[in-house]
N, C-alpha and C. Protein backbone atom coordinates (compact mmCIF):
# COMPACT_ATOMS: atom_id res chain seq x y z
N MET A 1 81.88 109.07 106.35
CA MET A 1 81.13 108.43 107.39
C MET A 1 82.12 108.02 108.46
N LEU A 2 81.66 107.99 109.69
CA LEU A 2 82.50 107.51 110.74
C LEU A 2 81.74 106.48 111.55
N ARG A 3 82.48 105.52 112.09
CA ARG A 3 81.88 104.43 112.84
C ARG A 3 82.67 104.25 114.12
N ASN A 4 81.96 104.06 115.24
CA ASN A 4 82.59 103.90 116.53
C ASN A 4 81.73 102.98 117.38
N ARG A 5 82.36 102.19 118.23
CA ARG A 5 81.59 101.37 119.17
C ARG A 5 80.88 102.29 120.13
N HIS A 6 79.62 102.04 120.41
CA HIS A 6 78.83 102.87 121.30
C HIS A 6 78.63 102.13 122.61
N ASP A 7 79.33 102.57 123.65
CA ASP A 7 79.20 101.98 124.98
C ASP A 7 79.36 100.46 124.95
N THR A 8 80.10 99.92 124.01
CA THR A 8 80.39 98.50 123.80
C THR A 8 79.16 97.67 123.44
N TYR A 9 78.00 98.31 123.22
CA TYR A 9 76.79 97.56 122.93
C TYR A 9 76.46 97.48 121.45
N GLY A 10 76.95 98.39 120.68
CA GLY A 10 76.64 98.41 119.25
C GLY A 10 77.49 99.45 118.56
N TRP A 11 77.24 99.64 117.29
CA TRP A 11 78.00 100.60 116.49
C TRP A 11 77.26 101.92 116.40
N LEU A 12 77.99 102.99 116.52
CA LEU A 12 77.47 104.33 116.31
C LEU A 12 77.98 104.80 114.96
N TYR A 13 77.06 105.10 114.05
CA TYR A 13 77.43 105.60 112.74
C TYR A 13 77.13 107.09 112.67
N GLY A 14 77.97 107.81 112.01
CA GLY A 14 77.75 109.23 111.81
C GLY A 14 78.34 109.64 110.49
N ARG A 15 78.14 110.90 110.17
CA ARG A 15 78.69 111.41 108.92
C ARG A 15 78.96 112.90 109.09
N PHE A 16 79.81 113.39 108.22
CA PHE A 16 80.03 114.83 108.13
C PHE A 16 79.27 115.30 106.91
N ASN A 17 78.40 116.30 107.08
CA ASN A 17 77.55 116.76 105.99
C ASN A 17 78.20 117.82 105.11
N ASP A 18 79.21 118.53 105.63
CA ASP A 18 79.87 119.59 104.86
C ASP A 18 81.34 119.24 104.68
N PHE A 19 81.71 119.02 103.43
CA PHE A 19 83.09 118.63 103.11
C PHE A 19 83.37 118.98 101.66
N GLY A 20 84.61 118.96 101.29
CA GLY A 20 84.99 119.23 99.91
C GLY A 20 86.39 118.71 99.66
N GLY A 21 86.83 118.88 98.44
CA GLY A 21 88.17 118.43 98.11
C GLY A 21 88.32 118.18 96.63
N ALA A 22 89.42 117.56 96.30
CA ALA A 22 89.73 117.25 94.90
C ALA A 22 90.65 116.04 94.85
N PHE A 23 90.59 115.33 93.74
CA PHE A 23 91.55 114.25 93.53
C PHE A 23 91.93 114.21 92.07
N SER A 24 93.11 113.64 91.82
CA SER A 24 93.55 113.40 90.45
C SER A 24 93.91 111.92 90.34
N TYR A 25 93.61 111.38 89.17
CA TYR A 25 93.86 109.96 88.94
C TYR A 25 94.04 109.72 87.45
N ASP A 26 95.12 109.06 87.11
CA ASP A 26 95.40 108.66 85.74
C ASP A 26 95.52 107.15 85.72
N PRO A 27 94.59 106.44 85.05
CA PRO A 27 94.65 104.99 85.06
C PRO A 27 95.94 104.42 84.47
N GLU A 28 96.64 105.23 83.67
CA GLU A 28 97.92 104.79 83.11
C GLU A 28 99.06 104.94 84.12
N ASP A 29 98.86 105.74 85.16
CA ASP A 29 99.87 105.99 86.19
C ASP A 29 99.19 106.14 87.55
N PRO A 30 98.55 105.07 88.05
CA PRO A 30 97.75 105.19 89.27
C PRO A 30 98.54 105.61 90.51
N ASP A 31 99.83 105.28 90.58
CA ASP A 31 100.61 105.65 91.76
C ASP A 31 100.91 107.15 91.82
N ASN A 32 100.59 107.86 90.78
CA ASN A 32 100.79 109.31 90.76
C ASN A 32 99.50 110.06 91.13
N ALA A 33 98.52 109.35 91.63
CA ALA A 33 97.25 109.96 92.03
C ALA A 33 97.47 110.81 93.28
N SER A 34 96.52 111.70 93.54
CA SER A 34 96.57 112.52 94.76
C SER A 34 95.15 112.85 95.19
N ILE A 35 95.02 113.19 96.47
CA ILE A 35 93.72 113.56 97.02
C ILE A 35 93.92 114.56 98.14
N GLU A 36 93.00 115.52 98.20
CA GLU A 36 92.93 116.47 99.31
C GLU A 36 91.47 116.58 99.73
N VAL A 37 91.22 116.56 101.04
CA VAL A 37 89.87 116.62 101.57
C VAL A 37 89.83 117.61 102.74
N GLU A 38 88.78 118.43 102.79
CA GLU A 38 88.53 119.32 103.92
C GLU A 38 87.15 118.97 104.47
N ILE A 39 87.07 118.82 105.78
CA ILE A 39 85.82 118.45 106.45
C ILE A 39 85.49 119.52 107.48
N GLU A 40 84.28 120.02 107.44
CA GLU A 40 83.81 120.95 108.46
C GLU A 40 83.34 120.13 109.65
N THR A 41 84.10 120.18 110.74
CA THR A 41 83.82 119.30 111.87
C THR A 41 82.46 119.57 112.52
N ALA A 42 81.99 120.81 112.46
CA ALA A 42 80.68 121.12 113.05
C ALA A 42 79.53 120.45 112.31
N SER A 43 79.81 119.88 111.14
CA SER A 43 78.75 119.23 110.37
C SER A 43 78.55 117.77 110.76
N ILE A 44 79.19 117.33 111.86
CA ILE A 44 79.00 115.95 112.33
C ILE A 44 77.51 115.68 112.55
N ASP A 45 77.05 114.54 112.10
CA ASP A 45 75.64 114.19 112.19
C ASP A 45 75.53 112.71 112.56
N SER A 46 75.13 112.46 113.82
CA SER A 46 74.94 111.09 114.28
C SER A 46 73.46 110.73 114.38
N ASN A 47 72.62 111.59 113.84
CA ASN A 47 71.17 111.40 113.86
C ASN A 47 70.60 111.47 115.28
N HIS A 48 71.26 112.24 116.14
CA HIS A 48 70.80 112.42 117.51
C HIS A 48 71.31 113.78 117.99
N ALA A 49 70.41 114.74 118.18
CA ALA A 49 70.79 116.13 118.44
C ALA A 49 71.66 116.29 119.68
N GLU A 50 71.32 115.65 120.77
CA GLU A 50 72.14 115.80 121.99
C GLU A 50 73.51 115.17 121.83
N ARG A 51 73.58 114.03 121.16
CA ARG A 51 74.87 113.40 120.91
C ARG A 51 75.71 114.29 120.01
N ASN A 52 75.09 114.86 118.97
CA ASN A 52 75.83 115.77 118.08
C ASN A 52 76.42 116.93 118.86
N LYS A 53 75.64 117.50 119.77
CA LYS A 53 76.12 118.61 120.60
C LYS A 53 77.34 118.17 121.41
N HIS A 54 77.28 116.98 121.98
CA HIS A 54 78.41 116.46 122.76
C HIS A 54 79.63 116.24 121.86
N LEU A 55 79.43 115.64 120.69
CA LEU A 55 80.54 115.38 119.77
C LEU A 55 81.20 116.68 119.30
N ARG A 56 80.41 117.75 119.15
CA ARG A 56 80.95 119.04 118.71
C ARG A 56 81.68 119.78 119.83
N GLY A 57 81.44 119.38 121.08
CA GLY A 57 81.97 120.10 122.23
C GLY A 57 83.42 119.75 122.56
N ASP A 58 83.85 120.27 123.71
CA ASP A 58 85.24 120.14 124.16
C ASP A 58 85.69 118.69 124.39
N ASP A 59 84.78 117.79 124.72
CA ASP A 59 85.16 116.41 124.99
C ASP A 59 85.64 115.67 123.75
N PHE A 60 85.17 116.12 122.57
CA PHE A 60 85.50 115.41 121.35
C PHE A 60 86.10 116.34 120.29
N LEU A 61 85.32 116.79 119.34
CA LEU A 61 85.86 117.54 118.20
C LEU A 61 86.24 118.98 118.52
N ASP A 62 85.65 119.57 119.52
CA ASP A 62 85.93 120.96 119.90
C ASP A 62 85.92 121.86 118.66
N VAL A 63 84.77 121.90 118.01
CA VAL A 63 84.65 122.55 116.70
C VAL A 63 84.90 124.05 116.74
N GLU A 64 84.77 124.67 117.89
CA GLU A 64 85.08 126.11 117.99
C GLU A 64 86.57 126.34 117.78
N ARG A 65 87.40 125.50 118.37
CA ARG A 65 88.86 125.63 118.24
C ARG A 65 89.39 124.98 116.97
N TYR A 66 88.74 123.90 116.54
CA TYR A 66 89.22 123.10 115.40
C TYR A 66 88.09 122.90 114.39
N PRO A 67 87.78 123.93 113.61
CA PRO A 67 86.62 123.86 112.72
C PRO A 67 86.79 122.95 111.51
N GLN A 68 88.02 122.56 111.20
CA GLN A 68 88.23 121.70 110.03
C GLN A 68 89.11 120.52 110.37
N ALA A 69 88.84 119.41 109.69
CA ALA A 69 89.74 118.27 109.63
C ALA A 69 90.17 118.18 108.17
N THR A 70 91.41 117.78 107.92
CA THR A 70 91.90 117.71 106.55
C THR A 70 92.69 116.43 106.32
N PHE A 71 92.74 116.03 105.06
CA PHE A 71 93.58 114.91 104.64
C PHE A 71 94.26 115.33 103.34
N LYS A 72 95.57 115.10 103.26
CA LYS A 72 96.32 115.37 102.04
C LYS A 72 97.25 114.19 101.80
N SER A 73 97.10 113.56 100.63
CA SER A 73 97.89 112.37 100.34
C SER A 73 99.37 112.71 100.19
N THR A 74 100.20 111.74 100.62
CA THR A 74 101.65 111.86 100.46
C THR A 74 102.23 110.70 99.65
N ALA A 75 101.51 109.58 99.59
CA ALA A 75 101.97 108.41 98.83
C ALA A 75 100.76 107.59 98.41
N VAL A 76 100.80 107.12 97.18
CA VAL A 76 99.70 106.32 96.63
C VAL A 76 100.28 105.06 96.03
N GLU A 77 99.68 103.93 96.38
CA GLU A 77 100.06 102.65 95.79
C GLU A 77 98.79 101.93 95.37
N LEU A 78 98.45 102.06 94.09
CA LEU A 78 97.23 101.45 93.55
C LEU A 78 97.59 100.53 92.40
N ASP A 79 96.87 99.42 92.29
CA ASP A 79 97.08 98.55 91.13
C ASP A 79 96.26 99.07 89.95
N GLU A 80 96.29 98.35 88.85
CA GLU A 80 95.61 98.81 87.64
C GLU A 80 94.10 98.88 87.80
N ASP A 81 93.55 98.22 88.82
CA ASP A 81 92.12 98.28 89.09
C ASP A 81 91.74 99.39 90.07
N GLY A 82 92.74 100.15 90.54
CA GLY A 82 92.46 101.22 91.49
C GLY A 82 92.31 100.74 92.92
N THR A 83 92.87 99.58 93.24
CA THR A 83 92.82 99.04 94.60
C THR A 83 94.20 99.14 95.21
N GLY A 84 94.26 99.53 96.48
CA GLY A 84 95.55 99.62 97.16
C GLY A 84 95.47 100.52 98.37
N THR A 85 96.49 101.36 98.54
CA THR A 85 96.56 102.22 99.71
C THR A 85 96.87 103.66 99.32
N VAL A 86 96.36 104.57 100.12
CA VAL A 86 96.70 105.98 100.02
C VAL A 86 97.12 106.42 101.41
N THR A 87 98.35 106.88 101.52
CA THR A 87 98.87 107.38 102.79
C THR A 87 98.90 108.90 102.71
N GLY A 88 98.59 109.54 103.83
CA GLY A 88 98.62 110.99 103.84
C GLY A 88 98.59 111.55 105.23
N ASP A 89 98.65 112.86 105.30
CA ASP A 89 98.60 113.57 106.57
C ASP A 89 97.16 113.91 106.89
N PHE A 90 96.70 113.41 108.04
CA PHE A 90 95.35 113.67 108.52
C PHE A 90 95.45 114.61 109.70
N SER A 91 94.74 115.73 109.63
CA SER A 91 94.72 116.71 110.71
C SER A 91 93.34 116.71 111.34
N LEU A 92 93.32 116.51 112.65
CA LEU A 92 92.08 116.48 113.41
C LEU A 92 92.37 116.98 114.81
N HIS A 93 91.54 117.87 115.30
CA HIS A 93 91.63 118.31 116.69
C HIS A 93 93.00 118.94 116.98
N GLY A 94 93.57 119.62 115.98
CA GLY A 94 94.84 120.30 116.14
C GLY A 94 96.07 119.42 116.06
N VAL A 95 95.88 118.16 115.71
CA VAL A 95 96.99 117.20 115.61
C VAL A 95 97.05 116.68 114.18
N THR A 96 98.25 116.60 113.62
CA THR A 96 98.44 116.04 112.29
C THR A 96 99.30 114.79 112.40
N LYS A 97 98.80 113.70 111.84
CA LYS A 97 99.52 112.42 111.85
C LYS A 97 99.30 111.72 110.52
N PRO A 98 100.26 110.87 110.14
CA PRO A 98 100.04 110.07 108.93
C PRO A 98 99.03 108.96 109.18
N VAL A 99 98.16 108.74 108.21
CA VAL A 99 97.23 107.61 108.22
C VAL A 99 97.26 106.97 106.84
N THR A 100 96.90 105.71 106.80
CA THR A 100 96.84 104.99 105.53
C THR A 100 95.42 104.48 105.33
N LEU A 101 94.85 104.82 104.18
CA LEU A 101 93.52 104.36 103.80
C LEU A 101 93.65 103.15 102.88
N GLU A 102 92.86 102.12 103.16
CA GLU A 102 92.71 101.01 102.23
C GLU A 102 91.68 101.47 101.20
N VAL A 103 92.05 101.46 99.92
CA VAL A 103 91.25 102.09 98.88
C VAL A 103 90.84 101.08 97.82
N GLU A 104 89.62 101.26 97.31
CA GLU A 104 89.19 100.49 96.14
C GLU A 104 88.41 101.41 95.20
N GLN A 105 88.62 101.19 93.92
CA GLN A 105 87.84 101.93 92.93
C GLN A 105 86.45 101.29 92.86
N ILE A 106 85.42 102.11 92.99
CA ILE A 106 84.05 101.61 92.95
C ILE A 106 83.56 101.46 91.52
N GLY A 107 83.94 102.40 90.66
CA GLY A 107 83.51 102.33 89.28
C GLY A 107 83.99 103.52 88.49
N ALA A 108 83.90 103.40 87.18
CA ALA A 108 84.29 104.48 86.28
C ALA A 108 83.54 104.30 84.97
N GLY A 109 83.14 105.43 84.38
CA GLY A 109 82.47 105.35 83.10
C GLY A 109 81.68 106.61 82.79
N PRO A 110 81.05 106.62 81.62
CA PRO A 110 80.28 107.79 81.20
C PRO A 110 79.05 108.00 82.09
N ASP A 111 78.71 109.27 82.29
CA ASP A 111 77.51 109.59 83.06
C ASP A 111 76.42 110.09 82.12
N PRO A 112 75.18 110.25 82.60
CA PRO A 112 74.07 110.66 81.74
C PRO A 112 74.19 112.08 81.18
N TRP A 113 75.14 112.88 81.69
CA TRP A 113 75.27 114.28 81.28
C TRP A 113 76.44 114.50 80.33
N GLY A 114 77.02 113.41 79.81
CA GLY A 114 78.10 113.53 78.84
C GLY A 114 79.49 113.57 79.44
N GLY A 115 79.60 113.45 80.74
CA GLY A 115 80.90 113.44 81.40
C GLY A 115 81.39 112.03 81.65
N PHE A 116 82.56 111.94 82.22
CA PHE A 116 83.14 110.66 82.61
C PHE A 116 83.42 110.72 84.10
N ARG A 117 82.85 109.80 84.87
CA ARG A 117 82.98 109.81 86.33
C ARG A 117 83.81 108.64 86.82
N ARG A 118 84.43 108.86 87.97
CA ARG A 118 85.19 107.80 88.61
C ARG A 118 84.97 107.93 90.12
N GLY A 119 84.77 106.81 90.80
CA GLY A 119 84.53 106.83 92.23
C GLY A 119 85.42 105.87 92.98
N PHE A 120 85.81 106.28 94.17
CA PHE A 120 86.65 105.47 95.05
C PHE A 120 86.06 105.47 96.45
N GLN A 121 86.42 104.46 97.21
CA GLN A 121 86.10 104.43 98.63
C GLN A 121 87.34 103.97 99.38
N GLY A 122 87.61 104.62 100.50
CA GLY A 122 88.74 104.24 101.33
C GLY A 122 88.35 104.29 102.79
N SER A 123 89.08 103.54 103.60
CA SER A 123 88.79 103.56 105.04
C SER A 123 90.08 103.40 105.83
N THR A 124 90.03 103.92 107.04
CA THR A 124 91.14 103.77 107.98
C THR A 124 90.57 103.78 109.38
N ARG A 125 91.34 103.25 110.30
CA ARG A 125 90.98 103.23 111.72
C ARG A 125 92.09 103.91 112.50
N PHE A 126 91.71 104.60 113.56
CA PHE A 126 92.73 105.21 114.42
C PHE A 126 92.17 105.40 115.82
N ALA A 127 93.08 105.51 116.76
CA ALA A 127 92.70 105.77 118.15
C ALA A 127 92.44 107.26 118.31
N LEU A 128 91.33 107.59 118.95
CA LEU A 128 91.00 108.99 119.19
C LEU A 128 92.10 109.69 120.00
N LYS A 129 92.70 108.99 120.94
CA LYS A 129 93.74 109.60 121.77
C LYS A 129 94.95 110.03 120.95
N ASP A 130 95.18 109.40 119.79
CA ASP A 130 96.29 109.80 118.93
C ASP A 130 96.11 111.22 118.39
N PHE A 131 94.87 111.70 118.43
CA PHE A 131 94.56 113.05 117.96
C PHE A 131 94.10 113.94 119.12
N GLY A 132 94.52 113.60 120.33
CA GLY A 132 94.26 114.44 121.48
C GLY A 132 92.84 114.38 122.02
N ILE A 133 92.07 113.37 121.61
CA ILE A 133 90.70 113.20 122.10
C ILE A 133 90.73 112.03 123.07
N ASP A 134 90.63 112.33 124.37
CA ASP A 134 90.82 111.28 125.36
C ASP A 134 89.62 111.10 126.28
N TYR A 135 88.46 111.51 125.85
CA TYR A 135 87.24 111.31 126.64
C TYR A 135 87.02 109.81 126.80
N ASP A 136 86.81 109.35 128.01
CA ASP A 136 86.74 107.92 128.29
C ASP A 136 85.32 107.38 128.10
N LEU A 137 85.15 106.61 127.05
CA LEU A 137 83.88 105.92 126.80
C LEU A 137 84.04 104.42 127.01
N GLY A 138 85.16 104.00 127.56
CA GLY A 138 85.43 102.58 127.74
C GLY A 138 86.35 102.07 126.64
N PRO A 139 86.98 100.94 126.87
CA PRO A 139 88.00 100.45 125.94
C PRO A 139 87.50 100.14 124.53
N ALA A 140 86.27 99.74 124.37
CA ALA A 140 85.76 99.39 123.03
C ALA A 140 85.44 100.61 122.19
N SER A 141 85.42 101.80 122.81
CA SER A 141 85.03 103.01 122.09
C SER A 141 86.19 103.95 121.83
N GLN A 142 87.40 103.47 121.92
CA GLN A 142 88.56 104.34 121.78
C GLN A 142 89.06 104.45 120.34
N VAL A 143 88.56 103.61 119.46
CA VAL A 143 89.01 103.60 118.05
C VAL A 143 87.82 103.95 117.16
N VAL A 144 88.07 104.79 116.16
CA VAL A 144 87.05 105.10 115.17
C VAL A 144 87.51 104.64 113.80
N GLU A 145 86.55 104.40 112.96
CA GLU A 145 86.82 104.08 111.56
C GLU A 145 86.22 105.21 110.74
N ILE A 146 87.02 105.73 109.81
CA ILE A 146 86.53 106.75 108.90
C ILE A 146 86.46 106.13 107.51
N ILE A 147 85.33 106.32 106.86
CA ILE A 147 85.13 105.82 105.50
C ILE A 147 84.96 107.04 104.61
N LEU A 148 85.77 107.14 103.60
CA LEU A 148 85.75 108.26 102.67
C LEU A 148 85.30 107.77 101.31
N SER A 149 84.18 108.28 100.83
CA SER A 149 83.69 107.94 99.51
C SER A 149 83.76 109.19 98.65
N ILE A 150 84.43 109.08 97.51
CA ILE A 150 84.58 110.23 96.62
C ILE A 150 84.19 109.85 95.20
N GLU A 151 83.73 110.84 94.48
CA GLU A 151 83.38 110.68 93.07
C GLU A 151 83.74 111.98 92.37
N GLY A 152 84.30 111.85 91.20
CA GLY A 152 84.66 113.06 90.44
C GLY A 152 84.37 112.90 88.97
N VAL A 153 84.28 114.04 88.29
CA VAL A 153 84.06 114.09 86.85
C VAL A 153 85.39 114.50 86.21
N ARG A 154 85.79 113.75 85.18
CA ARG A 154 87.06 114.03 84.50
C ARG A 154 87.05 115.44 83.94
N GLN A 155 88.13 116.14 84.18
CA GLN A 155 88.33 117.48 83.65
C GLN A 155 89.37 117.39 82.53
N ASP A 156 88.97 117.65 81.31
CA ASP A 156 89.91 117.60 80.18
C ASP A 156 90.63 118.92 80.06
N GLY A 157 91.92 118.82 79.81
CA GLY A 157 92.71 120.03 79.57
C GLY A 157 93.43 120.42 80.72
């Protein structure tokens, strides 16, 4: 999900509908965790067709030139409860920069299908101009917050 001030009057929420990735996590060694995420930028959905068209265009995501955004962790610092930070390389709009997500484990346990699931949520904020997006929406709209929610099923072996 992404959140941005909309013309300084309120919050604009959106989401990417097409994404994938993987993570590894060992509760006995949480700092050795890793995560990789791929996001199809054309899947941006702000619940408004004309706004989506603008966000996909040259002023913002330029999805024709930059069809994917990615995140790959480089450092993880989590406590025994799965709370802490994950730093990694975030690529958006042809620019790659390090970002740090504040992370918390949402839950872990058996699921109804006989598996074991674990979920995390992390968020970070960054200036759009840091990733080459400089369309002027006013000073309150220059920073976005990205919220990443992931859930996985333990793979034995």
